[in-house]
Amino acid sequence: AREVAEAQAALVALRARTELRVRRVLTPAQLQTFRDLRLQARRNQRLQRRLNSGNNPRRPGRNALDNPNRLNPNAPADQKLNPRPLTPRERRRGGLRRP
């Protein structure tokens, strides 16, 4: 575990040094573009993680797009597909109700 931690720390340091070297040669306009691209990449990663969280077979139904009630949990009951709250078992099954 210690070796893995040391390797990860070395990788982080190497990435930081590489980024610093790149930033030193960029013009202010290029630096702003670099920052914008990095911010957009982080947003895309967050969104991708959020969407992929529903694809975990151990945790079904976690994707908000799979369960429309999760998109707007405070919507009036007549606008929801399932007006009563889900039980823990139903949530584990991905929001499916069994009669």
Protein backbone atom coordinates (compact mmCIF):
# COMPACT_ATOMS: atom_id res chain seq x y z
CA ALA A 1 0.00 0.00 0.00
CA ARG A 2 2.87 2.34 0.81
CA GLU A 3 4.46 1.76 -2.60
CA VAL A 4 1.19 2.49 -4.37
CA ALA A 5 0.74 5.69 -2.36
CA GLU A 6 4.29 6.78 -3.16
CA ALA A 7 3.78 6.06 -6.87
CA GLN A 8 0.53 8.05 -6.90
CA ALA A 9 2.22 10.96 -5.13
CA ALA A 10 5.05 10.91 -7.66
CA LEU A 11 2.51 10.91 -10.50
CA VAL A 12 0.66 13.90 -9.03
CA ALA A 13 3.94 15.80 -8.66
CA LEU A 14 4.96 14.97 -12.24
CA ARG A 15 1.61 16.16 -13.59
CA ALA A 16 1.89 19.39 -11.61
CA ARG A 17 5.39 20.07 -12.93
CA THR A 18 4.29 19.32 -16.50
CA GLU A 19 1.30 21.64 -16.21
CA LEU A 20 3.48 24.41 -14.78
CA ARG A 21 5.88 24.12 -17.71
CA VAL A 22 2.99 24.32 -20.19
CA ARG A 23 1.41 27.30 -18.42
CA ARG A 24 4.68 29.25 -18.51
CA VAL A 25 4.71 29.33 -22.32
CA LEU A 26 1.03 30.24 -22.82
CA THR A 27 -0.15 33.75 -23.62
CA PRO A 28 -2.86 35.21 -21.35
CA ALA A 29 -5.52 34.40 -23.98
CA GLN A 30 -4.25 30.84 -24.33
CA LEU A 31 -4.15 30.47 -20.55
CA GLN A 32 -7.79 31.53 -20.33
CA THR A 33 -8.70 29.00 -23.03
CA PHE A 34 -6.75 26.36 -21.10
CA ARG A 35 -8.69 27.16 -17.92
CA ASP A 36 -12.02 27.10 -19.77
CA LEU A 37 -11.23 23.73 -21.32
CA ARG A 38 -10.19 22.30 -17.97
CA LEU A 39 -13.40 23.56 -16.33
CA GLN A 40 -15.49 22.07 -19.12
CA ALA A 41 -13.65 18.75 -18.80
CA ARG A 42 -14.37 18.65 -15.05
CA ARG A 43 -18.05 19.34 -15.66
CA ASN A 44 -18.18 16.59 -18.28
CA GLN A 45 -16.49 14.14 -15.89
CA ARG A 46 -18.99 14.97 -13.12
CA LEU A 47 -21.90 14.51 -15.50
CA GLN A 48 -20.48 11.26 -16.82
CA ARG A 49 -19.98 9.93 -13.28
CA ARG A 50 -23.54 10.91 -12.41
CA LEU A 51 -24.92 9.17 -15.49
CA ASN A 52 -22.74 6.09 -15.02
CA SER A 53 -23.74 5.69 -11.39
CA GLY A 54 -26.99 4.13 -12.64
CA ASN A 55 -25.08 1.51 -14.62
CA ASN A 56 -23.67 -0.17 -11.53
CA PRO A 57 -25.32 -3.61 -11.29
CA ARG A 58 -24.89 -3.56 -7.51
CA ARG A 59 -26.88 -0.32 -7.22
CA PRO A 60 -29.70 -0.38 -9.79
CA GLY A 61 -31.93 2.61 -10.35
CA ARG A 62 -29.38 5.19 -9.28
CA ASN A 63 -29.52 6.98 -12.62
CA ALA A 64 -31.96 9.91 -12.42
CA LEU A 65 -32.94 9.33 -16.03
CA ASP A 66 -34.12 5.79 -15.18
CA ASN A 67 -36.62 7.06 -12.62
CA PRO A 68 -38.54 10.18 -13.70
CA ASN A 69 -39.65 10.80 -10.09
CA ARG A 70 -36.02 11.46 -9.16
CA LEU A 71 -35.84 14.30 -11.71
CA ASN A 72 -38.41 16.34 -9.77
CA PRO A 73 -39.19 14.68 -6.45
CA ASN A 74 -41.24 17.71 -5.31
CA ALA A 75 -43.65 17.65 -8.24
CA PRO A 76 -47.36 17.42 -7.36
CA ALA A 77 -48.63 13.85 -7.07
CA ASP A 78 -50.69 14.06 -10.27
CA GLN A 79 -47.52 14.88 -12.22
CA LYS A 80 -45.58 11.93 -10.85
CA LEU A 81 -45.74 8.48 -12.32
CA ASN A 82 -45.73 6.94 -8.84
CA PRO A 83 -47.43 9.28 -6.35
CA ARG A 84 -46.49 7.43 -3.16
CA PRO A 85 -42.88 7.34 -1.93
CA LEU A 86 -40.81 4.30 -2.75
CA THR A 87 -40.04 1.78 -0.05
CA PRO A 88 -36.38 0.89 0.53
CA ARG A 89 -36.92 -2.41 -1.29
CA GLU A 90 -38.46 -0.62 -4.27
CA ARG A 91 -35.54 1.82 -4.36
CA ARG A 92 -33.09 -1.10 -4.41
CA ARG A 93 -34.99 -2.61 -7.32
CA GLY A 94 -34.63 0.58 -9.33
CA GLY A 95 -37.99 2.16 -8.54
CA LEU A 96 -40.10 -0.65 -9.94
CA ARG A 97 -43.26 -1.43 -8.03
CA ARG A 98 -44.58 -4.92 -7.85
CA PRO A 99 -48.30 -5.39 -7.05
